[in-house]
Protein backbone atom coordinates (compact mmCIF):
# COMPACT_ATOMS: atom_id res chain seq x y z
CA MET A 1 46.60 -48.28 67.35
CA THR A 2 48.99 -49.84 69.86
CA LYS A 3 50.28 -47.56 72.61
CA VAL A 4 53.88 -47.79 73.71
CA LEU A 5 54.27 -47.59 77.47
CA TYR A 6 57.57 -46.50 79.06
CA HIS A 7 58.62 -47.42 82.53
CA PRO A 8 59.33 -44.28 84.62
CA LEU A 9 62.85 -45.53 85.39
CA SER A 10 63.70 -45.69 81.65
CA PHE A 11 63.78 -41.87 81.16
CA PRO A 12 67.05 -41.28 83.06
CA VAL A 13 68.66 -44.00 80.95
CA MET A 14 67.45 -42.34 77.73
CA LEU A 15 68.76 -38.96 78.85
CA TRP A 16 72.14 -40.49 79.67
CA ASP A 17 72.30 -42.07 76.15
CA MET A 18 71.52 -38.70 74.50
CA LYS A 19 74.32 -36.96 76.39
CA ASN A 20 76.82 -39.66 75.42
CA GLU A 21 75.72 -39.40 71.79
CA ALA A 22 76.35 -35.65 71.87
CA LYS A 23 79.83 -36.24 73.28
CA ARG A 24 80.58 -38.75 70.56
CA LYS A 25 79.62 -36.22 67.86
CA ARG A 26 81.71 -33.43 69.38
CA ARG A 27 84.85 -32.81 67.29
CA THR A 28 88.30 -33.39 68.69
CA ARG A 29 90.02 -30.20 69.80
CA GLY A 30 92.18 -28.73 67.06
CA THR A 31 90.23 -30.25 64.14
CA GLY A 32 88.08 -27.20 63.41
CA SER A 33 84.34 -27.11 62.92
CA VAL A 34 81.71 -27.10 60.21
CA ALA A 35 78.38 -25.26 60.39
CA LYS A 36 75.93 -23.05 58.55
CA ILE A 37 75.37 -19.36 59.21
CA ASP A 38 72.18 -17.40 58.91
CA GLY A 39 71.37 -16.05 55.47
CA SER A 40 73.63 -18.40 53.50
CA PRO A 41 72.82 -21.79 51.95
CA PHE A 42 76.49 -22.80 52.07
CA TRP A 43 78.42 -24.66 54.75
CA TYR A 44 81.27 -22.79 56.42
CA ILE A 45 84.43 -24.08 58.05
CA TRP A 46 86.35 -22.72 61.03
CA TYR A 47 89.94 -23.58 61.91
CA ARG A 48 92.84 -22.06 63.83
CA ARG A 49 96.12 -20.77 62.47
CA SER A 50 98.73 -18.78 64.40
CA SER A 51 96.30 -18.21 67.27
CA LYS A 52 93.72 -16.77 64.83
CA THR A 53 90.37 -18.27 63.87
CA ILE A 54 89.91 -18.53 60.11
CA ARG A 55 86.42 -18.73 58.61
CA GLU A 56 85.93 -19.81 55.00
CA SER A 57 82.91 -20.65 52.88
CA SER A 58 82.93 -24.05 51.19
CA LYS A 59 80.69 -22.56 48.44
CA SER A 60 78.73 -25.81 48.64
CA GLU A 61 75.45 -26.92 50.21
CA SER A 62 76.98 -30.32 50.91
CA LYS A 63 78.38 -30.91 54.38
CA MET A 64 80.70 -33.61 53.00
CA VAL A 65 82.31 -31.06 50.67
CA ALA A 66 82.83 -28.70 53.63
CA GLU A 67 84.36 -31.51 55.72
CA ALA A 68 86.78 -32.31 52.89
CA LEU A 69 87.75 -28.65 52.56
CA LEU A 70 88.33 -28.40 56.31
CA SER A 71 90.61 -31.45 56.27
CA ARG A 72 92.60 -29.95 53.39
CA ARG A 73 92.97 -26.57 55.10
CA ILE A 74 94.12 -28.15 58.37
CA GLY A 75 96.68 -30.17 56.42
CA GLU A 76 97.92 -27.03 54.66
CA THR A 77 98.16 -25.25 58.01
CA GLY A 78 100.36 -28.05 59.28
CA LEU A 79 102.65 -27.57 56.27
CA GLY A 80 102.91 -23.83 56.87
CA ILE A 81 100.80 -22.80 53.84
CA ARG A 82 99.07 -19.47 54.36
CA PRO A 83 95.24 -19.37 54.21
CA ALA A 84 93.55 -18.51 50.93
CA GLN A 85 91.75 -15.52 52.49
CA GLU A 86 95.03 -13.63 52.74
CA LEU A 87 95.42 -13.75 48.96
CA LYS A 88 92.05 -12.07 48.36
CA ARG A 89 93.45 -8.66 49.25
CA TYR A 90 96.12 -8.89 46.56
CA ARG A 91 95.35 -7.42 43.17
CA TYR A 92 96.45 -7.75 39.58
CA GLU A 93 98.95 -4.94 40.20
CA ASP A 94 100.76 -7.08 42.80
CA ALA A 95 101.23 -9.93 40.30
CA ARG A 96 102.32 -7.40 37.67
CA ALA A 97 105.00 -6.01 40.02
CA SER A 98 106.21 -9.55 40.64
CA LEU A 99 106.47 -10.14 36.87
CA MET A 100 108.46 -6.95 36.32
CA THR A 101 110.84 -7.88 39.15
CA ASP A 102 111.36 -11.30 37.57
CA TYR A 103 112.13 -9.76 34.15
CA GLU A 104 114.56 -7.26 35.64
CA THR A 105 116.30 -9.90 37.77
CA GLU A 106 116.71 -12.25 34.82
CA GLY A 107 117.80 -9.42 32.53
CA ASN A 108 115.11 -10.34 30.01
CA SER A 109 115.68 -8.49 26.74
CA SER A 110 111.92 -8.13 26.21
CA LEU A 111 111.84 -5.47 28.94
CA ILE A 112 111.39 -2.08 27.29
CA THR A 113 112.45 1.23 28.85
CA ARG A 114 110.36 4.16 27.67
CA ALA A 115 111.54 7.70 27.15
CA ASP A 116 110.13 8.73 30.53
CA GLY A 117 112.12 5.99 32.27
CA THR A 118 109.18 3.65 32.98
CA LYS A 119 109.54 0.00 32.01
CA THR A 120 107.05 -2.20 30.22
CA ILE A 121 106.73 -5.33 28.07
CA CYS A 122 105.02 -5.79 24.73
CA GLY A 123 101.42 -6.78 25.45
CA LEU A 124 101.39 -5.55 29.04
CA VAL A 125 99.60 -2.23 28.45
CA GLN A 126 96.48 -4.03 27.18
CA LEU A 127 96.44 -6.29 30.24
CA ASP A 128 96.73 -3.25 32.51
CA ALA A 129 93.68 -1.63 30.94
CA PHE A 130 91.51 -4.77 31.23
CA PHE A 131 92.53 -6.25 34.61
CA LYS A 132 93.29 -3.06 36.53
CA GLY A 133 92.19 -3.34 40.17
CA ARG A 134 90.98 -6.94 39.85
CA SER A 135 91.42 -9.34 42.76
CA LEU A 136 93.99 -11.96 41.82
CA THR A 137 91.79 -14.86 42.92
CA SER A 138 88.86 -13.61 40.81
CA ILE A 139 90.69 -13.87 37.47
CA CYS A 140 89.36 -16.90 35.59
CA THR A 141 89.39 -18.42 32.10
CA ASP A 142 86.14 -16.65 31.16
CA ASP A 143 87.84 -13.32 31.82
CA VAL A 144 90.64 -14.23 29.41
CA TYR A 145 88.14 -15.11 26.67
CA GLU A 146 86.43 -11.75 27.25
CA PHE A 147 89.84 -10.05 27.00
CA ILE A 148 90.43 -11.82 23.66
CA ARG A 149 86.99 -10.76 22.38
CA ARG A 150 87.58 -7.11 23.27
CA ARG A 151 91.07 -7.05 21.76
CA ARG A 152 89.66 -8.38 18.50
CA SER A 153 86.62 -6.08 18.39
CA ASP A 154 88.09 -2.84 19.77
CA ASP A 155 91.69 -3.00 18.55
CA ASP A 156 91.38 -5.42 15.59
CA ALA A 157 94.34 -7.29 17.12
CA GLY A 158 95.61 -10.52 15.59
CA ASN A 159 96.16 -13.81 17.37
CA ALA A 160 99.94 -13.38 17.60
CA ILE A 161 99.83 -10.07 19.49
CA ILE A 162 96.99 -11.32 21.73
CA ASN A 163 99.10 -14.35 22.60
CA ARG A 164 101.87 -12.02 23.81
CA SER A 165 99.47 -10.60 26.40
CA ASN A 166 98.09 -14.01 27.35
CA ALA A 167 101.60 -15.37 27.86
CA LEU A 168 102.41 -12.49 30.21
CA LEU A 169 99.23 -13.10 32.23
CA ARG A 170 100.03 -16.80 32.48
CA ARG A 171 103.54 -15.99 33.66
CA MET A 172 102.16 -13.62 36.33
CA LEU A 173 99.79 -16.25 37.71
CA ASN A 174 102.43 -18.97 37.60
CA LEU A 175 104.82 -16.77 39.59
CA ALA A 176 102.07 -16.13 42.14
CA HIS A 177 101.49 -19.91 42.32
CA GLU A 178 105.13 -20.98 42.50
CA ARG A 179 106.73 -18.15 44.53
CA GLY A 180 103.74 -16.44 46.05
CA ILE A 181 103.08 -12.77 46.74
CA LYS A 182 104.41 -11.57 50.10
CA GLY A 183 104.53 -15.15 51.33
CA VAL A 184 101.05 -16.14 50.11
CA LYS A 185 100.79 -18.54 47.16
CA LEU A 186 98.00 -18.65 44.61
CA ARG A 187 96.41 -22.08 45.05
CA GLU A 188 95.24 -22.67 41.49
CA VAL A 189 96.17 -21.16 38.13
CA PRO A 190 93.26 -20.88 35.69
CA HIS A 191 93.63 -22.13 32.14
CA ILE A 192 95.00 -19.36 29.90
CA PRO A 193 94.06 -20.15 26.27
CA MET A 194 96.65 -19.56 23.56
CA LEU A 195 95.35 -18.85 20.07
CA GLU A 196 96.56 -20.43 16.85
CA GLU A 197 99.04 -18.13 15.18
CA PRO A 198 99.52 -17.67 11.44
CA PRO A 199 102.49 -19.37 9.75
CA PRO A 200 105.84 -17.54 9.75
CA ARG A 201 106.07 -14.53 7.48
CA GLN A 202 107.72 -15.37 4.17
CA GLY A 203 109.34 -11.99 3.48
CA PHE A 204 113.07 -11.90 2.80
CA LEU A 205 115.54 -9.87 0.75
CA GLU A 206 117.69 -11.44 -1.95
CA PRO A 207 121.39 -10.43 -2.01
CA GLU A 208 121.11 -8.83 -5.46
CA LEU A 209 118.32 -6.54 -4.23
CA PHE A 210 120.13 -5.66 -1.01
CA ALA A 211 122.71 -3.49 -2.79
CA GLU A 212 119.94 -1.55 -4.51
CA LEU A 213 118.08 -1.04 -1.23
CA LYS A 214 121.22 0.04 0.57
CA GLY A 215 121.87 2.64 -2.12
CA ALA A 216 118.45 4.19 -1.46
CA MET A 217 119.07 4.51 2.28
CA PRO A 218 120.41 7.71 3.92
CA GLU A 219 124.18 7.71 4.30
CA ASN A 220 124.08 7.62 8.12
CA LEU A 221 121.96 4.43 8.11
CA LYS A 222 123.77 2.35 5.49
CA THR A 223 126.20 0.76 7.98
CA THR A 224 123.31 -0.16 10.29
CA LEU A 225 121.39 -1.75 7.39
CA HIS A 226 124.48 -3.69 6.33
CA TYR A 227 125.07 -5.01 9.85
CA LEU A 228 121.42 -6.13 10.30
CA TYR A 229 121.33 -7.90 6.93
CA PHE A 230 124.63 -9.74 7.29
CA THR A 231 124.19 -10.90 10.89
CA GLY A 232 120.40 -11.27 11.27
CA CYS A 233 120.70 -9.29 14.52
CA ARG A 234 117.57 -7.87 16.12
CA THR A 235 117.20 -4.11 15.85
CA GLY A 236 116.68 -3.91 19.61
CA ALA A 237 120.00 -5.66 20.24
CA ALA A 238 121.83 -3.56 17.65
CA LYS A 239 120.53 -0.41 19.30
CA LYS A 240 122.24 -1.35 22.58
CA VAL A 241 125.70 -1.90 21.07
CA GLU A 242 128.12 0.78 22.34
CA TRP A 243 131.63 1.76 21.39
CA THR A 244 133.02 0.29 24.62
CA GLN A 245 132.13 -3.13 23.15
CA VAL A 246 134.12 -2.63 19.93
CA LEU A 247 137.43 -4.53 19.80
CA PHE A 248 140.07 -3.71 17.17
CA ASP A 249 142.15 -6.85 16.57
CA GLY A 250 144.59 -6.26 13.73
CA ASN A 251 142.60 -6.21 10.51
CA ARG A 252 139.48 -7.43 12.26
CA VAL A 253 136.84 -5.50 14.14
CA GLU A 254 134.83 -7.42 16.72
CA LEU A 255 131.86 -6.75 18.98
CA LEU A 256 131.82 -8.10 22.51
CA PHE A 257 128.18 -8.84 23.45
CA ARG A 258 127.48 -8.95 27.18
CA ALA A 259 125.28 -11.65 28.71
CA ASN A 260 122.37 -9.24 29.21
CA GLN A 261 122.39 -8.32 25.53
CA VAL A 262 121.75 -11.81 24.14
CA LYS A 263 118.77 -14.06 24.77
CA ASN A 264 120.80 -17.14 25.69
CA LYS A 265 122.62 -15.12 28.40
CA ARG A 266 126.02 -16.20 27.09
CA PRO A 267 128.50 -13.44 26.15
CA ILE A 268 129.97 -13.81 22.66
CA THR A 269 132.53 -12.03 20.53
CA LEU A 270 131.22 -11.43 16.99
CA ALA A 271 133.51 -10.55 14.09
CA LEU A 272 132.01 -7.88 11.84
CA PRO A 273 131.71 -8.15 8.03
CA ASP A 274 134.51 -6.41 6.17
CA GLU A 275 132.26 -3.61 4.85
CA VAL A 276 130.89 -2.83 8.33
CA ALA A 277 134.37 -3.07 9.87
CA ALA A 278 135.73 -0.62 7.29
CA ALA A 279 132.95 1.87 8.01
CA ILE A 280 133.55 1.65 11.76
CA ARG A 281 137.30 2.25 11.34
CA LYS A 282 136.55 5.48 9.48
CA VAL A 283 134.73 6.93 12.49
CA PRO A 284 137.03 9.51 14.18
CA VAL A 285 138.28 8.51 17.62
CA LYS A 286 136.69 11.57 19.21
CA GLN A 287 133.26 10.42 18.01
CA ARG A 288 133.58 6.86 19.34
CA SER A 289 131.22 7.13 22.28
CA GLY A 290 127.66 6.03 22.89
CA PRO A 291 125.79 3.75 20.43
CA VAL A 292 127.73 2.34 17.48
CA PHE A 293 124.85 1.99 15.04
CA CYS A 294 122.63 4.93 14.14
CA MET A 295 118.92 4.19 14.60
CA THR A 296 117.50 7.68 13.95
CA ASN A 297 114.27 7.33 11.91
CA LEU A 298 115.46 3.90 10.76
CA THR A 299 111.99 2.38 10.23
CA LYS A 300 110.68 5.40 8.37
CA ALA A 301 113.78 5.62 6.17
CA PHE A 302 113.67 1.89 5.48
CA LYS A 303 110.05 2.01 4.26
CA LYS A 304 110.79 5.03 2.11
CA ALA A 305 113.78 3.25 0.53
CA CYS A 306 111.71 0.10 -0.08
CA VAL A 307 109.07 2.14 -1.92
CA ALA A 308 111.81 3.79 -4.00
CA VAL A 309 113.22 0.45 -5.23
CA GLY A 310 109.87 -1.32 -5.63
CA LEU A 311 109.97 -3.49 -2.50
CA GLY A 312 107.00 -1.75 -0.87
CA SER A 313 104.19 0.72 -1.39
CA TRP A 314 102.20 3.31 0.56
CA ARG A 315 98.49 2.60 0.93
CA ASP A 316 97.94 6.29 0.37
CA PRO A 317 100.89 8.03 -1.37
CA LYS A 318 99.66 11.40 -0.08
CA ASN A 319 99.32 10.18 3.52
CA HIS A 320 102.06 7.84 4.68
CA ASP A 321 100.35 7.44 8.05
CA ALA A 322 97.58 5.47 6.31
CA GLY A 323 99.83 2.43 6.21
CA TYR A 324 102.53 0.58 4.32
CA ASP A 325 102.68 -2.82 2.57
CA GLY A 326 105.88 -4.54 1.62
CA LEU A 327 109.27 -5.55 3.02
CA LEU A 328 109.65 -5.00 6.74
CA LEU A 329 112.73 -4.13 8.74
CA HIS A 330 112.41 -7.44 10.62
CA ASP A 331 112.65 -9.26 7.28
CA LEU A 332 116.35 -8.44 7.34
CA ARG A 333 116.64 -10.81 10.31
CA ARG A 334 114.92 -13.59 8.37
CA SER A 335 117.15 -12.85 5.39
CA GLY A 336 120.27 -12.91 7.53
CA VAL A 337 119.41 -16.34 8.94
CA ARG A 338 118.68 -17.67 5.48
CA ASN A 339 121.94 -16.27 4.09
CA LEU A 340 123.92 -17.88 6.91
CA ARG A 341 122.40 -21.26 6.10
CA LYS A 342 122.94 -20.91 2.34
CA ALA A 343 126.54 -19.87 2.95
CA GLY A 344 127.10 -23.22 4.70
CA VAL A 345 127.60 -21.78 8.19
CA PRO A 346 127.00 -24.52 10.83
CA GLU A 347 123.69 -24.14 12.59
CA ASP A 348 125.13 -23.69 16.09
CA VAL A 349 127.44 -20.94 14.81
CA ALA A 350 124.62 -19.29 12.87
CA MET A 351 122.45 -19.23 15.99
CA LYS A 352 125.21 -17.45 17.92
CA VAL A 353 125.60 -14.87 15.16
CA SER A 354 121.87 -14.14 14.92
CA GLY A 355 121.34 -14.35 18.69
CA HIS A 356 118.71 -17.11 18.63
CA ARG A 357 118.36 -19.04 21.86
CA THR A 358 116.36 -22.06 20.66
CA ARG A 359 116.50 -24.10 17.49
CA SER A 360 112.70 -24.05 17.10
CA VAL A 361 112.66 -20.26 16.72
CA PHE A 362 115.75 -20.33 14.51
CA THR A 363 114.05 -22.71 12.06
CA ARG A 364 111.02 -20.39 11.85
CA TYR A 365 113.36 -17.77 10.41
CA ASP A 366 115.13 -20.26 8.15
CA ILE A 367 112.75 -19.87 5.23
CA VAL A 368 112.95 -22.39 2.40
CA ASP A 369 112.07 -20.90 -0.99
CA THR A 370 111.48 -22.45 -4.44
CA ASP A 371 115.19 -22.17 -5.30
CA ASP A 372 116.02 -24.28 -2.25
CA LEU A 373 113.50 -26.93 -3.31
CA HIS A 374 114.76 -26.87 -6.89
CA ASP A 375 118.32 -27.33 -5.67
CA ALA A 376 117.18 -30.25 -3.51
CA MET A 377 115.55 -31.99 -6.48
CA GLN A 378 118.68 -31.43 -8.60
CA ARG A 379 120.79 -33.08 -5.90
CA VAL A 380 118.44 -36.04 -5.66
CA SER A 381 118.48 -36.45 -9.47
CA ALA A 382 122.27 -36.35 -9.52
CA TYR A 383 122.41 -38.92 -6.70
CA VAL A 384 120.03 -41.32 -8.48
CA ARG A 385 121.93 -40.95 -11.77
CA SER A 386 125.25 -41.69 -10.05
CA LYS A 387 123.87 -44.85 -8.44
CA THR A 388 122.26 -45.97 -11.68
CA ALA A 389 125.49 -45.44 -13.62
CA ALA A 390 127.43 -47.46 -11.02
CA THR A 391 125.22 -50.54 -11.51
CA THR A 392 125.32 -50.54 -15.35
């Protein structure tokens, strides 16, 4: 084996080279540092922001990944973006509060005020029960799938109602990402799956059956039923109509809807059908205060009337709480939209009457039945016959 001999004068030179190498590897001031800490396999980064040292795990055993994370964080610091660690102390409840503020500010009609004065949104209660106390940064796609599984197994919930909750969660996280919570923005929004919903319900009420159903309703609810069927208005919107919005213009009676009462946020003046207008005129002046349309036990009375005229049935005639199958109160909205179309009302006008904001939702309510298809085929046949006759 060959021995390597070093000249005694070479050791100072080697020591000088080692010191220079150490200087070359030393990071430039202000660019942070990367190192490991005892007890962890991951690389950590350190950087300064607002005279404070921030430490963050790269969650990786690769130094290159840690270096890349450090470069990104320093760049974000230069842009004034707050560090991710500050968001860890914020919980689901903070994002929920931000969502409620957004709904109240925008005057969203989906915001529900309970009898005790608290406000909520359809689908929010289930989210509260599942994500209560969770750190905002810990919510991931797997959690959403677990939420879906539990809603199906514990509550036997359908895809449509689950999607209402998922949409609210997605809105919360998007607000935290776009606007931030107390100045700190959520860096990434996890994928929130949306389930396939069943096709639109096909229930509607023919005009000839409406008169029979109206006759079976209590006297104080007949005007309300008439208004819902003729206009396709939502029951929630009809409930908010007050006498201060009623305008008497000669022989006409009109309703002035404020911007916060319609989904498209555009105030409109809606002329009432003659039968509804006549009923409203009969109300004594002294009683013209508060809500215009009576909603007392409307759903219960509607189901009872449907059973009486053969449009519905109780699952257990001796126990009405066991359930009901048949025409629903919301089917009046579908029927109203369909009647507007069949009456030849232009689509843009019909959407204003029914209060629909988008055409896509309006067309879901515009149900085409076999009579519509038959009429279409009759028109095509007449068209072909007319063209054939013209050429002979």
